[in-house]
Amino acid sequence: MVMQNEELYRKYLSGRHWDNHPTSHAQKFADFLLSDGFRGRLVDLGCGNGRDAAVFCHRGIEAWGIDLSEEEIAMARSKHPNCRFEVGDAEQFDFVDCSIGALFMINVVHYLDKHRALKEAHRVLQPGGFFLIHFNTMIADQYGRVDYAQDEAEIFRLIKNFEVVQKNSLVRVDSTPIVHTHAILELILRKS
């Protein structure tokens, strides 16, 4: 049986393993945006402790970090005082339509109502704006038990209102809180 979002979150929450991931995805997306002459605001959805939003800030991009957890936002503000962080919901945020130049969401969407989150992302993103998102196509524990799975065909139905600019398949193995593997579909999308 595949876990539901809340159960999945509780199983992997205790290790806080996402705090230790390198920010290479943020670095690469910053490179991508800057090579395209990006000059807008970027929002890191589900920013956690702010480590990726800080990468964008240090690269000269106006970046905001949004997370549902007040505790995570307090930690982000403490660690990265030169960046802006707000408590907010990735399924419903306080930005006006077409006001954001880029969105960044890794290791988050599988905990959300994907339809609502992607509809909201499309609403706030400016025409021509970019969106880097990671979809876990599978999360399995060390014994090969699948805790989460999502079919790529379903993912492409979810993103039908975006143009796919880049597509990469990634595999990541984490050792905490238990050994588990993520199969990830990384997409850079553009709002037409």
Protein backbone atom coordinates (compact mmCIF):
# COMPACT_ATOMS: atom_id res chain seq x y z
CA MET A 1 0.00 0.00 0.00
CA VAL A 2 1.29 3.45 -0.93
CA MET A 3 1.28 5.93 1.95
CA GLN A 4 -0.90 8.99 2.01
CA ASN A 5 0.77 12.42 2.20
CA GLU A 6 0.53 12.92 5.98
CA GLU A 7 1.73 9.41 6.81
CA LEU A 8 4.64 9.77 4.37
CA TYR A 9 5.62 13.10 5.94
CA ARG A 10 5.60 11.65 9.48
CA LYS A 11 7.73 8.66 8.43
CA TYR A 12 10.52 10.79 7.00
CA LEU A 13 10.20 13.93 9.17
CA SER A 14 12.29 12.75 12.11
CA GLY A 15 15.58 12.70 10.23
CA ARG A 16 15.42 16.23 8.77
CA HIS A 17 17.60 14.81 6.03
CA TRP A 18 16.60 17.56 3.62
CA ASP A 19 18.63 20.08 5.66
CA ASN A 20 21.79 18.30 4.55
CA HIS A 21 21.21 18.14 0.80
CA PRO A 22 23.57 20.25 -1.26
CA THR A 23 22.12 23.28 -2.98
CA SER A 24 23.29 22.20 -6.44
CA HIS A 25 19.72 22.37 -7.79
CA ALA A 26 19.43 25.98 -6.65
CA GLN A 27 22.87 26.79 -8.10
CA LYS A 28 21.95 25.25 -11.46
CA PHE A 29 18.58 27.01 -11.58
CA ALA A 30 20.23 30.33 -10.68
CA ASP A 31 22.70 29.76 -13.54
CA PHE A 32 19.82 28.95 -15.88
CA LEU A 33 17.86 32.07 -14.89
CA LEU A 34 20.82 34.43 -14.99
CA SER A 35 21.94 33.12 -18.39
CA ASP A 36 18.44 34.06 -19.62
CA GLY A 37 18.78 37.59 -18.17
CA PHE A 38 16.34 37.01 -15.30
CA ARG A 39 15.49 40.17 -13.36
CA GLY A 40 12.33 39.31 -11.41
CA ARG A 41 11.34 37.85 -8.07
CA LEU A 42 11.82 34.15 -7.33
CA VAL A 43 9.83 32.29 -4.69
CA ASP A 44 11.20 29.12 -3.07
CA LEU A 45 8.07 27.15 -2.16
CA GLY A 46 8.55 24.92 0.87
CA CYS A 47 11.87 26.60 1.66
CA GLY A 48 12.43 24.86 5.01
CA ASN A 49 15.52 26.31 6.69
CA GLY A 50 16.13 28.66 3.76
CA ARG A 51 19.26 27.07 2.38
CA ASP A 52 18.14 27.26 -1.27
CA ALA A 53 16.56 30.72 -1.07
CA ALA A 54 19.90 31.91 0.32
CA VAL A 55 21.70 30.58 -2.78
CA PHE A 56 19.47 32.72 -4.99
CA CYS A 57 19.92 35.78 -2.76
CA HIS A 58 23.70 35.41 -2.84
CA ARG A 59 23.55 35.24 -6.64
CA GLY A 60 21.77 38.61 -6.76
CA ILE A 61 18.27 37.27 -7.38
CA GLU A 62 15.42 38.76 -5.34
CA ALA A 63 14.30 35.57 -3.60
CA TRP A 64 11.60 34.92 -1.06
CA GLY A 65 11.26 31.71 0.89
CA ILE A 66 7.78 30.46 1.76
CA ASP A 67 7.08 27.59 4.16
CA LEU A 68 4.03 26.46 6.11
CA SER A 69 6.10 25.92 9.27
CA GLU A 70 6.62 28.92 11.53
CA GLU A 71 9.54 27.05 13.12
CA GLU A 72 11.27 26.58 9.74
CA ILE A 73 10.74 30.23 8.82
CA ALA A 74 12.20 31.35 12.16
CA MET A 75 15.24 29.15 11.51
CA ALA A 76 15.58 30.50 7.96
CA ARG A 77 15.41 34.11 9.14
CA SER A 78 18.04 33.39 11.79
CA LYS A 79 20.43 31.64 9.39
CA HIS A 80 19.93 34.00 6.44
CA PRO A 81 19.02 37.50 7.72
CA ASN A 82 19.62 39.11 4.31
CA CYS A 83 16.86 37.08 2.64
CA ARG A 84 13.10 37.41 2.95
CA PHE A 85 11.08 34.55 4.45
CA GLU A 86 7.35 34.32 5.11
CA VAL A 87 5.00 31.72 6.52
CA GLY A 88 2.76 30.68 3.65
CA ASP A 89 0.95 27.84 1.96
CA ALA A 90 2.14 26.54 -1.43
CA GLU A 91 -1.46 25.71 -2.26
CA GLN A 92 -2.67 29.28 -1.67
CA PHE A 93 -0.25 32.18 -1.42
CA ASP A 94 -0.63 35.89 -0.99
CA PHE A 95 0.75 37.06 -4.34
CA VAL A 96 -1.29 38.76 -7.02
CA ASP A 97 -1.81 37.11 -10.38
CA CYS A 98 1.19 37.05 -12.72
CA SER A 99 3.50 38.75 -10.18
CA ILE A 100 6.32 36.19 -9.78
CA GLY A 101 9.14 35.72 -12.29
CA ALA A 102 10.28 32.26 -11.16
CA LEU A 103 9.31 29.48 -8.77
CA PHE A 104 11.47 26.78 -7.18
CA MET A 105 9.96 23.71 -5.50
CA ILE A 106 12.01 20.64 -4.65
CA ASN A 107 11.10 17.77 -2.33
CA VAL A 108 7.73 19.33 -1.53
CA VAL A 109 4.96 18.68 -4.05
CA HIS A 110 4.44 15.03 -3.03
CA TYR A 111 3.22 16.31 0.37
CA LEU A 112 0.65 18.64 -1.20
CA ASP A 113 -2.56 18.55 -3.16
CA LYS A 114 -0.73 18.67 -6.49
CA HIS A 115 -3.68 20.04 -8.47
CA ARG A 116 -4.11 22.99 -6.11
CA ALA A 117 -0.38 23.70 -5.83
CA LEU A 118 0.18 23.68 -9.60
CA LYS A 119 -2.92 25.77 -10.26
CA GLU A 120 -1.67 28.32 -7.72
CA ALA A 121 1.83 28.29 -9.24
CA HIS A 122 0.36 28.94 -12.67
CA ARG A 123 -1.77 31.78 -11.30
CA VAL A 124 1.09 33.74 -9.73
CA LEU A 125 3.77 33.07 -12.35
CA GLN A 126 4.28 35.77 -14.97
CA PRO A 127 3.87 34.82 -18.63
CA GLY A 128 7.27 33.51 -19.71
CA GLY A 129 8.19 32.82 -16.08
CA PHE A 130 10.11 29.68 -15.14
CA PHE A 131 9.30 26.99 -12.57
CA LEU A 132 11.79 24.34 -11.42
CA ILE A 133 9.93 21.50 -9.75
CA HIS A 134 10.87 18.03 -8.52
CA PHE A 135 8.25 15.30 -8.75
CA ASN A 136 9.06 12.14 -6.85
CA THR A 137 8.01 9.32 -9.15
CA MET A 138 8.87 6.86 -6.38
CA ILE A 139 10.07 6.80 -2.77
CA ALA A 140 11.05 3.36 -1.50
CA ASP A 141 12.54 2.26 1.80
CA GLN A 142 15.68 0.14 2.18
CA TYR A 143 13.67 -3.06 1.76
CA GLY A 144 12.20 -1.95 -1.55
CA ARG A 145 8.76 -1.21 -0.11
CA VAL A 146 7.28 1.62 -2.11
CA ASP A 147 6.00 4.38 0.16
CA TYR A 148 5.04 6.73 -2.63
CA ALA A 149 4.63 6.44 -6.39
CA GLN A 150 3.41 8.72 -9.14
CA ASP A 151 3.11 7.88 -12.80
CA GLU A 152 4.87 10.21 -15.27
CA ALA A 153 1.77 10.31 -17.45
CA GLU A 154 -0.16 11.76 -14.50
CA ILE A 155 2.60 14.32 -13.93
CA PHE A 156 2.37 15.49 -17.53
CA ARG A 157 -1.42 15.81 -17.19
CA LEU A 158 -0.84 17.97 -14.09
CA ILE A 159 1.53 20.34 -15.91
CA LYS A 160 -0.44 20.61 -19.16
CA ASN A 161 -0.69 24.41 -18.77
CA PHE A 162 3.10 24.77 -18.80
CA GLU A 163 5.72 24.30 -21.50
CA VAL A 164 8.48 21.82 -20.58
CA VAL A 165 11.86 23.51 -21.11
CA GLN A 166 14.06 20.85 -19.49
CA LYS A 167 13.46 17.33 -18.21
CA ASN A 168 15.89 15.28 -16.12
CA SER A 169 15.53 11.96 -14.31
CA LEU A 170 17.42 11.79 -11.02
CA VAL A 171 17.96 9.19 -8.30
CA ARG A 172 18.87 10.17 -4.74
CA VAL A 173 19.58 7.84 -1.83
CA ASP A 174 19.19 9.24 1.70
CA SER A 175 20.51 7.50 4.79
CA THR A 176 18.33 9.20 7.42
CA PRO A 177 15.99 8.74 9.16
CA ILE A 178 16.03 5.37 7.40
CA VAL A 179 17.73 4.41 4.16
CA HIS A 180 15.38 5.32 1.33
CA THR A 181 15.57 6.08 -2.37
CA HIS A 182 13.90 8.82 -4.39
CA ALA A 183 13.33 8.53 -8.13
CA ILE A 184 12.81 12.14 -9.19
CA LEU A 185 11.55 13.82 -12.33
CA GLU A 186 13.11 17.30 -12.42
CA LEU A 187 11.37 19.74 -14.72
CA ILE A 188 11.97 23.32 -15.69
CA LEU A 189 8.64 24.64 -16.89
CA ARG A 190 7.67 27.91 -18.52
CA LYS A 191 4.31 29.60 -18.36
CA SER A 192 3.23 30.41 -21.92
